[in-house]
């Protein structure tokens, strides 16, 4: 076992020898071998490694070894953890992409063969490549950019880092003391205490566990979770690790009460969800799912959940629509297996007669008719349950006011010969205009067969002048709606004894 000074001397001596052998021996010296953690995490980790000339070769090797041990416990590959390495130099260099290494042996070998680029610290260019790589991955899995740097002149990284974080990427950083701490603070995603580390390269191994736990917290796969819960059922869902031919799942669940026995079920290997039924309301259950396979070992996945309080219909009563003399009401939830019948009581407020309607257990709405316009009603819906319990809820509803006629007080005022002034009043908003029609004398045919003249007026009009009226001409004004012409008013313009006068 080495203390800090002995470790420094040993590593310095080894680095002066063959670099590849040095990397292997250093790993064995100061990093313990960890077992792979199965069924732990799912996500993409892109390493952004400072490989510029400002990083000493010894420091670069230590960063690689640190990364090697940091990632050792993770299961790799699609559906687990994918790791990529992007080096920062004068030009960015993608050492390997996220979909290259599917096991630890392959990843460790690749990390052991990485060579330093040297050159400038062009972090901005590397971040543009990182954006493209992480945008092209599965948007449903978490993504991490782990920035390993000495922090010397990283460049203007604020904007590309902000864009990455806006895409949902978690940015973590490890700086070997020389870094510009303010730049790093702005770059990482909160919380700083677990996502930003400034450490001397000689003692970098002391942050391994803390940084790994921060990564696991982001990409831990919630394999068994409750996606739907009621008072009597629960739907469990998990990320499948088997196929129809590779094994099966053994599911067991029971309430946390000591007296309840476990229920066991066998599920096909291609399953990804299951519904648990006949549960007790307001009860805490524990469920365990164990993937059984002769190809590899899997951890047992578990979850605890508490069912909802027993729901007795109706929970809500609402008014769907109202008219002059009717109201449509609905209620829910519909529980035909638990309800015998529904009863709807309604009466005008404050002292109207109460009417009662009884409805079957499969109906959750009805229309109440024979009501008074412009009146407030109290509507109560009650359910008689099969267990003898009864639950009721009420709602207030108003019928619509009786609508005033669109047009009123149509008047004809005589002017010159065969001319009148037509005026009217309007009581409705939303009219699109008015349609006028009247009879005019026809000089080319029989006077007994007058022609009809029409005109459309805008909604702001309230009067107009008509000419060439036929004898006893009938004048009509109709409201025009967006859906068409409505019912109007008509008057007859009769000729007085003095043929020059109209009225």
Protein backbone atom coordinates (compact mmCIF):
# COMPACT_ATOMS: atom_id res chain seq x y z
CA UNK A 1 0.00 0.00 0.00
CA UNK A 2 1.34 3.49 -0.89
CA UNK A 3 0.96 6.76 0.93
CA UNK A 4 0.78 10.02 -1.05
CA UNK A 5 4.56 10.55 -1.35
CA UNK A 6 5.31 6.93 -2.18
CA UNK A 7 2.56 6.90 -4.80
CA UNK A 8 3.98 10.03 -6.46
CA UNK A 9 7.48 8.50 -6.64
CA UNK A 10 6.18 5.19 -7.96
CA UNK A 11 4.05 6.75 -10.66
CA UNK A 12 6.79 9.18 -11.72
CA UNK A 13 9.23 6.30 -12.11
CA UNK A 14 6.75 4.26 -14.11
CA UNK A 15 5.85 7.09 -16.46
CA UNK A 16 9.52 7.53 -17.35
CA UNK A 17 9.42 3.97 -18.70
CA UNK A 18 7.21 2.55 -21.44
CA UNK A 19 3.97 4.60 -21.32
CA UNK A 20 1.61 1.74 -22.07
CA UNK A 21 3.08 -0.52 -19.37
CA UNK A 22 3.07 2.42 -16.97
CA UNK A 23 -0.65 2.93 -17.40
CA UNK A 24 -1.37 -0.71 -16.59
CA UNK A 25 0.86 -0.80 -13.49
CA UNK A 26 -0.41 2.50 -12.13
CA UNK A 27 -3.95 1.18 -12.34
CA UNK A 28 -3.02 -1.86 -10.29
CA UNK A 29 -1.15 0.28 -7.76
CA UNK A 30 -3.69 2.79 -6.59
CA UNK A 31 -7.13 1.83 -7.83
CA UNK A 32 -8.98 -1.18 -6.36
CA UNK A 33 -10.74 -3.53 -8.76
CA UNK A 34 -14.50 -3.04 -8.59
CA UNK A 35 -17.22 -5.47 -9.60
CA UNK A 36 -19.56 -4.52 -12.42
CA UNK A 37 -22.90 -3.13 -11.24
CA UNK A 38 -25.70 -4.83 -13.18
CA UNK A 39 -29.11 -3.28 -13.84
CA UNK A 40 -27.94 0.03 -12.45
CA UNK A 41 -28.04 2.70 -15.06
CA UNK A 42 -29.01 3.69 -18.55
CA UNK A 43 -27.64 6.77 -20.31
CA UNK A 44 -24.97 8.32 -22.49
CA UNK A 45 -21.68 9.67 -21.07
CA UNK A 46 -19.50 11.72 -23.40
CA UNK A 47 -16.00 12.39 -22.02
CA UNK A 48 -14.56 15.76 -23.04
CA UNK A 49 -10.85 15.27 -22.32
CA UNK A 50 -8.39 18.18 -22.44
CA UNK A 51 -5.57 16.79 -24.62
CA UNK A 52 -3.86 20.12 -25.40
CA UNK A 53 -0.24 21.08 -24.80
CA UNK A 54 -1.07 22.89 -21.55
CA UNK A 55 -1.67 19.47 -19.92
CA UNK A 56 1.51 17.66 -18.90
CA UNK A 57 1.81 14.12 -20.24
CA UNK A 58 1.93 12.72 -16.71
CA UNK A 59 -1.22 14.67 -15.87
CA UNK A 60 -2.93 13.42 -19.04
CA UNK A 61 -2.17 9.79 -18.13
CA UNK A 62 -3.53 10.29 -14.62
CA UNK A 63 -6.76 11.73 -16.03
CA UNK A 64 -7.17 8.67 -18.26
CA UNK A 65 -6.56 6.29 -15.36
CA UNK A 66 -9.01 8.19 -13.20
CA UNK A 67 -11.62 7.92 -15.96
CA UNK A 68 -10.95 4.22 -16.36
CA UNK A 69 -11.67 3.48 -12.73
CA UNK A 70 -14.59 5.89 -12.58
CA UNK A 71 -16.43 4.00 -15.32
CA UNK A 72 -15.40 0.46 -14.36
CA UNK A 73 -18.58 -0.52 -12.43
CA UNK A 74 -21.04 0.31 -15.24
CA UNK A 75 -22.63 -2.22 -17.55
CA UNK A 76 -22.06 -1.00 -21.09
CA UNK A 77 -24.00 -1.18 -24.32
CA UNK A 78 -27.42 -0.32 -25.69
CA UNK A 79 -29.97 -0.33 -22.90
CA UNK A 80 -27.24 0.27 -20.33
CA UNK A 81 -24.45 2.89 -20.32
CA UNK A 82 -22.77 4.12 -23.51
CA UNK A 83 -19.44 5.95 -23.31
CA UNK A 84 -17.74 8.14 -25.92
CA UNK A 85 -14.44 10.05 -25.79
CA UNK A 86 -13.84 13.40 -27.48
CA UNK A 87 -10.38 14.97 -27.16
CA UNK A 88 -9.76 18.72 -27.05
CA UNK A 89 -6.78 20.03 -29.02
CA UNK A 90 -6.20 22.46 -31.87
CA UNK A 91 -8.87 20.43 -33.68
CA UNK A 92 -11.31 18.14 -31.87
CA UNK A 93 -10.69 14.42 -32.18
CA UNK A 94 -13.45 11.85 -31.61
CA UNK A 95 -11.45 8.96 -30.17
CA UNK A 96 -14.53 6.69 -30.14
CA UNK A 97 -18.27 7.24 -30.35
CA UNK A 98 -21.05 6.29 -27.98
CA UNK A 99 -22.03 3.14 -29.86
CA UNK A 100 -18.57 1.55 -30.15
CA UNK A 101 -17.89 -0.28 -26.86
CA UNK A 102 -20.40 -2.77 -25.44
CA UNK A 103 -18.30 -4.22 -22.61
CA UNK A 104 -15.74 -3.12 -20.06
CA UNK A 105 -12.87 -5.05 -21.61
CA UNK A 106 -13.28 -3.19 -24.89
CA UNK A 107 -13.61 0.19 -23.18
CA UNK A 108 -10.60 -0.33 -20.89
CA UNK A 109 -8.43 -1.36 -23.84
CA UNK A 110 -9.51 1.71 -25.82
CA UNK A 111 -8.79 4.08 -22.92
CA UNK A 112 -5.37 2.48 -22.46
CA UNK A 113 -4.42 3.23 -26.06
CA UNK A 114 -5.38 6.94 -26.12
CA UNK A 115 -2.54 9.28 -27.10
CA UNK A 116 -2.32 12.99 -26.25
CA UNK A 117 -2.97 15.45 -29.10
CA UNK A 118 -0.96 18.44 -27.80
CA UNK A 119 -1.64 21.78 -29.57
CA UNK A 120 -4.06 24.55 -28.54
CA UNK A 121 -7.02 24.26 -26.15
CA UNK A 122 -9.84 24.72 -28.66
CA UNK A 123 -12.70 23.72 -26.36
CA UNK A 124 -15.30 25.66 -28.36
CA UNK A 125 -14.75 23.56 -31.49
CA UNK A 126 -14.93 20.35 -29.46
CA UNK A 127 -18.20 21.44 -27.86
CA UNK A 128 -19.77 21.93 -31.29
CA UNK A 129 -18.92 18.31 -32.07
CA UNK A 130 -20.30 17.26 -28.67
CA UNK A 131 -23.58 19.02 -29.42
CA UNK A 132 -23.99 17.07 -32.65
CA UNK A 133 -23.12 13.74 -31.03
CA UNK A 134 -25.52 14.15 -28.12
CA UNK A 135 -28.35 15.48 -30.29
CA UNK A 136 -28.28 12.37 -32.46
CA UNK A 137 -28.75 9.98 -29.53
CA UNK A 138 -31.98 8.61 -28.03
CA UNK A 139 -33.79 11.58 -26.51
CA UNK A 140 -35.45 9.34 -23.90
CA UNK A 141 -32.22 8.49 -22.06
CA UNK A 142 -30.26 10.92 -19.85
CA UNK A 143 -27.07 12.42 -21.24
CA UNK A 144 -23.91 13.56 -19.44
CA UNK A 145 -20.95 15.60 -20.68
CA UNK A 146 -18.00 14.99 -18.32
CA UNK A 147 -15.38 17.69 -18.88
CA UNK A 148 -11.84 16.75 -17.72
CA UNK A 149 -9.51 19.76 -17.94
CA UNK A 150 -6.69 21.68 -16.34
CA UNK A 151 -8.79 24.78 -16.98
CA UNK A 152 -5.99 26.74 -18.66
CA UNK A 153 -7.51 29.14 -21.22
CA UNK A 154 -10.53 26.98 -22.12
CA UNK A 155 -11.91 29.73 -24.39
CA UNK A 156 -15.39 31.20 -24.56
CA UNK A 157 -17.41 28.12 -23.63
CA UNK A 158 -20.42 29.85 -22.03
CA UNK A 159 -22.68 29.81 -25.10
CA UNK A 160 -22.05 26.20 -26.28
CA UNK A 161 -22.34 24.93 -22.71
CA UNK A 162 -25.66 26.78 -22.30
CA UNK A 163 -26.93 25.23 -25.54
CA UNK A 164 -25.99 21.76 -24.34
CA UNK A 165 -27.78 22.28 -21.04
CA UNK A 166 -30.82 23.61 -22.90
CA UNK A 167 -30.90 20.28 -24.77
CA UNK A 168 -31.15 18.45 -21.45
CA UNK A 169 -27.48 17.47 -21.16
CA UNK A 170 -26.05 17.38 -17.63
CA UNK A 171 -22.57 18.96 -17.58
CA UNK A 172 -20.08 17.80 -14.93
CA UNK A 173 -16.48 19.01 -14.68
CA UNK A 174 -13.21 17.96 -13.07
CA UNK A 175 -10.45 20.56 -13.01
CA UNK A 176 -6.87 19.89 -11.92
CA UNK A 177 -6.59 23.03 -9.78
CA UNK A 178 -5.24 25.39 -12.47
CA UNK A 179 -8.74 26.03 -13.79
CA UNK A 180 -10.68 29.24 -14.11
CA UNK A 181 -13.23 28.46 -11.40
CA UNK A 182 -15.76 31.09 -12.51
CA UNK A 183 -15.88 29.66 -16.05
CA UNK A 184 -16.34 26.17 -14.65
CA UNK A 185 -19.09 27.32 -12.29
CA UNK A 186 -21.08 28.71 -15.20
CA UNK A 187 -20.48 25.61 -17.31
CA UNK A 188 -21.77 22.86 -15.04
CA UNK A 189 -25.35 22.07 -14.16
CA UNK A 190 -26.40 22.41 -10.51
CA UNK A 191 -25.70 21.34 -7.86
CA UNK A 192 -22.11 22.59 -7.88
CA UNK A 193 -21.08 20.56 -4.83
CA UNK A 194 -21.59 17.26 -6.68
CA UNK A 195 -21.04 18.33 -10.31
CA UNK A 196 -17.87 20.44 -10.07
CA UNK A 197 -14.56 19.16 -8.67
CA UNK A 198 -11.29 21.05 -8.37
CA UNK A 199 -8.58 18.65 -7.25
CA UNK A 200 -4.82 18.20 -7.38
CA UNK A 201 -3.86 15.60 -9.96
CA UNK A 202 -1.80 13.74 -7.33
CA UNK A 203 -4.90 13.03 -5.23
CA UNK A 204 -7.57 12.86 -7.91
CA UNK A 205 -8.62 9.37 -6.82
CA UNK A 206 -10.27 10.81 -3.69
CA UNK A 207 -13.18 12.16 -5.73
CA UNK A 208 -13.86 8.91 -7.62
CA UNK A 209 -16.68 7.67 -5.42
CA UNK A 210 -18.41 11.04 -5.09
CA UNK A 211 -18.30 11.73 -8.82
CA UNK A 212 -19.51 8.23 -9.65
CA UNK A 213 -22.45 8.63 -7.28
CA UNK A 214 -23.32 11.94 -8.94
CA UNK A 215 -23.30 10.22 -12.34
CA UNK A 216 -25.40 7.31 -11.08
CA UNK A 217 -27.95 9.72 -9.65
CA UNK A 218 -28.45 11.19 -13.15
CA UNK A 219 -28.54 7.97 -15.19
CA UNK A 220 -29.93 5.45 -12.72
CA UNK A 221 -32.52 3.37 -14.58
CA UNK A 222 -35.88 3.17 -12.84
CA UNK A 223 -36.49 -0.38 -13.95
CA UNK A 224 -39.63 -1.13 -11.93
CA UNK A 225 -42.01 1.76 -11.44
CA UNK A 226 -45.71 2.39 -10.91
CA UNK A 227 -47.25 4.12 -13.93
CA UNK A 228 -50.93 3.98 -12.94
CA UNK A 229 -52.55 3.64 -9.55
CA UNK A 230 -56.15 3.41 -8.33
CA UNK A 231 -57.77 2.33 -5.08
CA UNK A 232 -57.95 -1.30 -6.26
CA UNK A 233 -55.24 -1.70 -8.92
CA UNK A 234 -51.69 -0.78 -9.95
CA UNK A 235 -49.84 -0.98 -13.26
CA UNK A 236 -46.12 -1.73 -12.97
CA UNK A 237 -43.69 -1.09 -15.81
CA UNK A 238 -40.02 -1.94 -16.30
CA UNK A 239 -37.32 -1.68 -18.92
CA UNK A 240 -37.10 -5.21 -20.37
CA UNK A 241 -33.82 -7.10 -20.05
CA UNK A 242 -35.07 -10.42 -21.44
CA UNK A 243 -36.67 -11.65 -24.64
CA UNK A 244 -39.34 -14.26 -25.27
CA UNK A 245 -36.64 -16.93 -25.78
CA UNK A 246 -34.10 -15.91 -23.14
CA UNK A 247 -36.10 -16.41 -19.94
CA UNK A 248 -39.06 -15.27 -17.88
CA UNK A 249 -39.96 -12.92 -15.03
CA UNK A 250 -41.07 -14.02 -11.58
CA UNK A 251 -43.29 -11.41 -9.94
CA UNK A 252 -44.30 -11.48 -6.28
CA UNK A 253 -46.27 -8.91 -4.32
CA UNK A 254 -48.10 -8.53 -1.05
CA UNK A 255 -49.26 -5.84 1.35
CA UNK A 256 -46.95 -4.74 4.12
CA UNK A 257 -49.27 -6.29 6.69
CA UNK A 258 -47.59 -9.28 8.30
CA UNK A 259 -50.65 -11.48 7.92
CA UNK A 260 -50.93 -11.21 4.12
CA UNK A 261 -49.41 -13.95 1.97
CA UNK A 262 -47.45 -13.21 -1.18
CA UNK A 263 -49.04 -13.52 -4.60
CA UNK A 264 -46.71 -14.98 -7.24
CA UNK A 265 -47.00 -14.77 -11.00
CA UNK A 266 -44.83 -15.93 -13.92
CA UNK A 267 -44.58 -13.47 -16.82
CA UNK A 268 -43.18 -14.05 -20.34
CA UNK A 269 -39.68 -12.81 -21.13
CA UNK A 270 -40.94 -10.21 -23.60
CA UNK A 271 -43.18 -8.56 -20.97
CA UNK A 272 -42.62 -4.96 -19.96
CA UNK A 273 -45.67 -4.25 -17.78
CA UNK A 274 -48.26 -5.94 -15.61
CA UNK A 275 -51.50 -4.87 -13.91
CA UNK A 276 -52.13 -5.91 -10.31
CA UNK A 277 -55.85 -6.10 -9.50
CA UNK A 278 -58.11 -6.80 -6.52
CA UNK A 279 -55.92 -4.69 -4.24
CA UNK A 280 -57.15 -3.10 -1.05
CA UNK A 281 -57.62 0.69 -0.94
CA UNK A 282 -55.25 2.88 1.06
CA UNK A 283 -52.82 -0.01 1.54
CA UNK A 284 -49.05 -0.14 1.07
CA UNK A 285 -47.76 -2.98 -1.10
CA UNK A 286 -44.30 -4.22 -1.99
CA UNK A 287 -43.60 -5.85 -5.35
CA UNK A 288 -40.49 -7.69 -6.54
CA UNK A 289 -39.60 -8.66 -10.10
CA UNK A 290 -36.83 -11.14 -10.74
CA UNK A 291 -35.60 -11.81 -14.31
CA UNK A 292 -34.78 -15.53 -14.65
CA UNK A 293 -32.33 -16.47 -17.39
CA UNK A 294 -29.76 -19.24 -17.96
CA UNK A 295 -27.59 -16.78 -19.91
CA UNK A 296 -26.66 -14.34 -17.14
CA UNK A 297 -27.60 -13.20 -13.64
CA UNK A 298 -29.89 -10.25 -13.03
CA UNK A 299 -30.69 -8.33 -9.90
CA UNK A 300 -34.18 -8.41 -8.42
CA UNK A 301 -36.08 -5.18 -9.01
CA UNK A 302 -38.51 -3.94 -6.39
CA UNK A 303 -40.92 -1.10 -5.71
CA UNK A 304 -43.25 -0.05 -2.90
CA UNK A 305 -46.53 1.76 -3.49
CA UNK A 306 -49.70 2.74 -1.65
CA UNK A 307 -53.09 2.38 -3.28
CA UNK A 308 -55.42 5.35 -3.34
CA UNK A 309 -58.29 5.93 -0.96
CA UNK A 310 -61.49 4.16 -1.91
CA UNK A 311 -63.32 6.25 -4.51
CA UNK A 312 -67.10 6.29 -4.33
CA UNK A 313 -68.94 7.75 -7.29
CA UNK A 314 -69.83 10.50 -7.84
CA UNK A 315 -66.59 12.37 -7.28
CA UNK A 316 -67.49 15.21 -9.62
CA UNK A 317 -70.76 16.60 -11.04
CA UNK A 318 -70.56 19.08 -13.92
CA UNK A 319 -72.85 21.00 -16.25
CA UNK A 320 -72.18 20.16 -19.89
CA UNK A 321 -74.66 22.55 -21.52
CA UNK A 322 -77.68 24.71 -20.72
CA UNK A 323 -80.53 26.13 -22.77
CA UNK A 324 -83.64 28.18 -22.17
CA UNK A 325 -85.55 25.30 -20.62
CA UNK A 326 -83.06 22.46 -20.19
CA UNK A 327 -79.72 21.56 -18.62
CA UNK A 328 -77.40 18.63 -19.38
CA UNK A 329 -75.44 17.34 -16.37
CA UNK A 330 -72.84 14.57 -16.04
CA UNK A 331 -71.02 12.84 -13.19
CA UNK A 332 -68.19 10.39 -12.62
CA UNK A 333 -66.42 8.14 -12.31
CA UNK A 334 -68.75 5.57 -13.77
CA UNK A 335 -68.65 2.46 -11.55
CA UNK A 336 -71.28 0.01 -12.84
CA UNK A 337 -69.81 -2.88 -10.85
CA UNK A 338 -70.09 -0.99 -7.57
CA UNK A 339 -73.20 1.18 -8.01
CA UNK A 340 -76.80 -0.05 -8.02
CA UNK A 341 -78.40 3.12 -9.39
CA UNK A 342 -78.09 6.89 -9.63
CA UNK A 343 -80.67 9.45 -8.50
CA UNK A 344 -80.78 13.02 -9.79
CA UNK A 345 -82.74 15.62 -7.79
CA UNK A 346 -83.20 19.17 -9.05
CA UNK A 347 -85.20 22.23 -8.11
CA UNK A 348 -85.20 25.99 -8.59
CA UNK A 349 -83.38 28.08 -5.99
CA UNK A 350 -84.46 29.11 -3.39
CA UNK A 351 -87.85 27.43 -3.10
CA UNK A 352 -88.80 25.59 -6.28
CA UNK A 353 -90.41 22.17 -6.50
CA UNK A 354 -87.98 19.27 -6.31
CA UNK A 355 -88.01 16.76 -9.16
CA UNK A 356 -86.42 13.31 -9.00
CA UNK A 357 -85.03 11.15 -11.81
CA UNK A 358 -83.75 7.59 -11.24
CA UNK A 359 -81.15 6.30 -13.70
CA UNK A 360 -79.36 2.96 -14.26
CA UNK A 361 -75.83 2.32 -13.01
CA UNK A 362 -74.33 2.49 -16.52
CA UNK A 363 -75.51 6.05 -17.22
CA UNK A 364 -73.41 9.07 -16.24
CA UNK A 365 -75.31 11.97 -17.85
CA UNK A 366 -78.87 13.17 -18.39
CA UNK A 367 -80.86 16.14 -19.73
CA UNK A 368 -83.18 17.91 -17.28
CA UNK A 369 -86.12 19.44 -19.18
CA UNK A 370 -89.18 21.57 -18.48
CA UNK A 371 -87.16 24.26 -16.70
CA UNK A 372 -87.76 28.01 -16.49
CA UNK A 373 -85.60 30.41 -18.50
CA UNK A 374 -83.11 32.53 -16.57
CA UNK A 375 -83.45 30.46 -13.41
CA UNK A 376 -80.82 28.97 -11.09
CA UNK A 377 -81.24 25.30 -10.15
CA UNK A 378 -79.61 23.08 -7.55
CA UNK A 379 -78.82 19.65 -9.03
CA UNK A 380 -77.85 16.76 -6.72
CA UNK A 381 -76.57 13.42 -8.01
CA UNK A 382 -76.49 10.54 -5.53
CA UNK A 383 -75.29 6.95 -6.00
CA UNK A 384 -76.49 3.92 -4.09
CA UNK A 385 -73.58 1.49 -3.89
CA UNK A 386 -73.87 -2.29 -3.70
CA UNK A 387 -72.40 -2.26 -0.18
CA UNK A 388 -75.28 -0.06 0.98
CA UNK A 389 -73.25 3.16 1.10
CA UNK A 390 -74.67 6.26 -0.52
CA UNK A 391 -72.72 9.25 -1.78
CA UNK A 392 -74.08 12.52 -3.19
CA UNK A 393 -72.67 15.66 -4.78
CA UNK A 394 -74.39 18.87 -5.90
CA UNK A 395 -73.84 21.59 -8.46
CA UNK A 396 -75.62 24.84 -9.29
CA UNK A 397 -76.70 25.50 -12.86
CA UNK A 398 -78.56 28.31 -14.64
CA UNK A 399 -80.81 28.17 -17.66
CA UNK A 400 -80.29 30.80 -20.33
CA UNK A 401 -82.14 34.10 -20.34
CA UNK A 402 -85.02 34.43 -22.80
CA UNK A 403 -83.53 36.09 -25.84
CA UNK A 404 -84.91 39.42 -27.07
CA UNK A 405 -85.91 39.53 -30.74
CA UNK A 406 -83.09 40.55 -33.03
CA UNK A 407 -85.18 43.34 -34.60
CA UNK A 408 -87.95 45.55 -33.22
CA UNK A 409 -89.97 48.69 -33.93
CA UNK A 410 -89.83 48.71 -37.73
CA UNK A 411 -91.12 52.11 -38.99
CA UNK A 412 -91.77 53.57 -42.44
CA UNK A 413 -91.70 57.38 -42.82
CA UNK A 414 -93.03 58.89 -46.12
CA UNK A 415 -90.71 61.19 -48.02
CA UNK A 416 -91.17 62.16 -51.68
CA UNK A 417 -93.38 60.32 -54.16
CA UNK A 418 -92.76 56.56 -54.02
CA UNK A 419 -90.04 57.01 -51.37
CA UNK A 420 -89.95 56.06 -47.69
CA UNK A 421 -87.40 56.15 -44.86
CA UNK A 422 -87.12 52.72 -43.19
CA UNK A 423 -85.88 52.60 -39.55
CA UNK A 424 -85.60 49.78 -36.99
CA UNK A 425 -84.01 48.82 -33.67
CA UNK A 426 -81.63 45.91 -33.02
CA UNK A 427 -81.22 44.02 -29.72
CA UNK A 428 -78.57 41.37 -30.46
CA UNK A 429 -74.83 41.64 -30.77
CA UNK A 430 -72.94 39.60 -33.29
CA UNK A 431 -75.17 40.33 -36.29
CA UNK A 432 -73.35 40.36 -39.62
CA UNK A 433 -75.76 42.84 -41.25
CA UNK A 434 -79.32 43.30 -42.50
CA UNK A 435 -81.17 42.14 -45.61
CA UNK A 436 -83.85 44.46 -46.97
CA UNK A 437 -86.43 43.66 -49.66
CA UNK A 438 -89.27 45.76 -51.11
CA UNK A 439 -91.55 45.90 -54.13
CA UNK A 440 -90.92 48.42 -56.90
CA UNK A 441 -93.06 49.41 -59.85
CA UNK A 442 -92.26 47.60 -63.06
CA UNK A 443 -92.69 49.89 -66.08
CA UNK A 444 -91.98 47.10 -68.56
CA UNK A 445 -94.70 44.74 -67.44
CA UNK A 446 -98.05 44.73 -65.83
CA UNK A 447 -98.32 47.13 -62.86
CA UNK A 448 -100.07 44.35 -61.02
CA UNK A 449 -96.82 42.35 -60.99
CA UNK A 450 -94.22 44.53 -59.23
CA UNK A 451 -90.56 43.48 -59.12
CA UNK A 452 -88.66 42.70 -55.90
CA UNK A 453 -85.59 44.79 -55.07
CA UNK A 454 -83.09 43.80 -52.37
CA UNK A 455 -80.09 45.33 -50.61
CA UNK A 456 -77.59 44.20 -47.94
CA UNK A 457 -76.65 46.74 -45.23
CA UNK A 458 -73.78 46.57 -42.72
CA UNK A 459 -74.46 45.72 -39.01
CA UNK A 460 -74.07 49.38 -37.98
CA UNK A 461 -77.07 50.44 -40.09
CA UNK A 462 -80.34 51.33 -38.41
CA UNK A 463 -82.18 53.05 -41.29
CA UNK A 464 -82.14 53.57 -45.06
CA UNK A 465 -84.08 55.28 -47.83
CA UNK A 466 -86.09 53.26 -50.37
CA UNK A 467 -87.29 54.59 -53.73
CA UNK A 468 -89.64 53.60 -56.54
CA UNK A 469 -91.95 51.70 -54.25
CA UNK A 470 -94.87 49.98 -55.86
CA UNK A 471 -98.41 50.63 -54.71
CA UNK A 472 -98.90 49.07 -51.24
CA UNK A 473 -95.32 47.82 -51.32
CA UNK A 474 -94.31 45.33 -48.63
CA UNK A 475 -91.00 46.24 -46.96
CA UNK A 476 -89.09 43.54 -45.01
CA UNK A 477 -85.91 43.76 -42.87
CA UNK A 478 -84.15 40.52 -41.79
CA UNK A 479 -81.09 40.02 -39.54
CA UNK A 480 -78.11 38.25 -41.11
CA UNK A 481 -76.01 35.84 -38.97
CA UNK A 482 -72.83 34.00 -39.87
CA UNK A 483 -74.97 30.91 -40.39
CA UNK A 484 -77.52 32.61 -42.64
CA UNK A 485 -80.54 34.93 -42.65
CA UNK A 486 -82.88 35.01 -39.64
CA UNK A 487 -86.53 35.89 -39.17
CA UNK A 488 -87.32 39.54 -39.86
CA UNK A 489 -90.05 42.18 -39.66
CA UNK A 490 -92.32 43.43 -42.49
CA UNK A 491 -94.53 46.47 -43.01
CA UNK A 492 -96.79 47.59 -45.89
CA UNK A 493 -96.30 51.08 -47.29
CA UNK A 494 -99.80 52.13 -48.26
CA UNK A 495 -100.60 55.08 -50.62
CA UNK A 496 -102.87 57.77 -49.12
CA UNK A 497 -105.78 59.46 -50.99
CA UNK A 498 -103.26 62.04 -52.13
CA UNK A 499 -101.24 59.91 -54.48
CA UNK A 500 -98.16 61.94 -53.75
CA UNK A 501 -98.17 60.89 -50.10
CA UNK A 502 -97.01 57.55 -48.68
CA UNK A 503 -97.28 56.11 -45.22
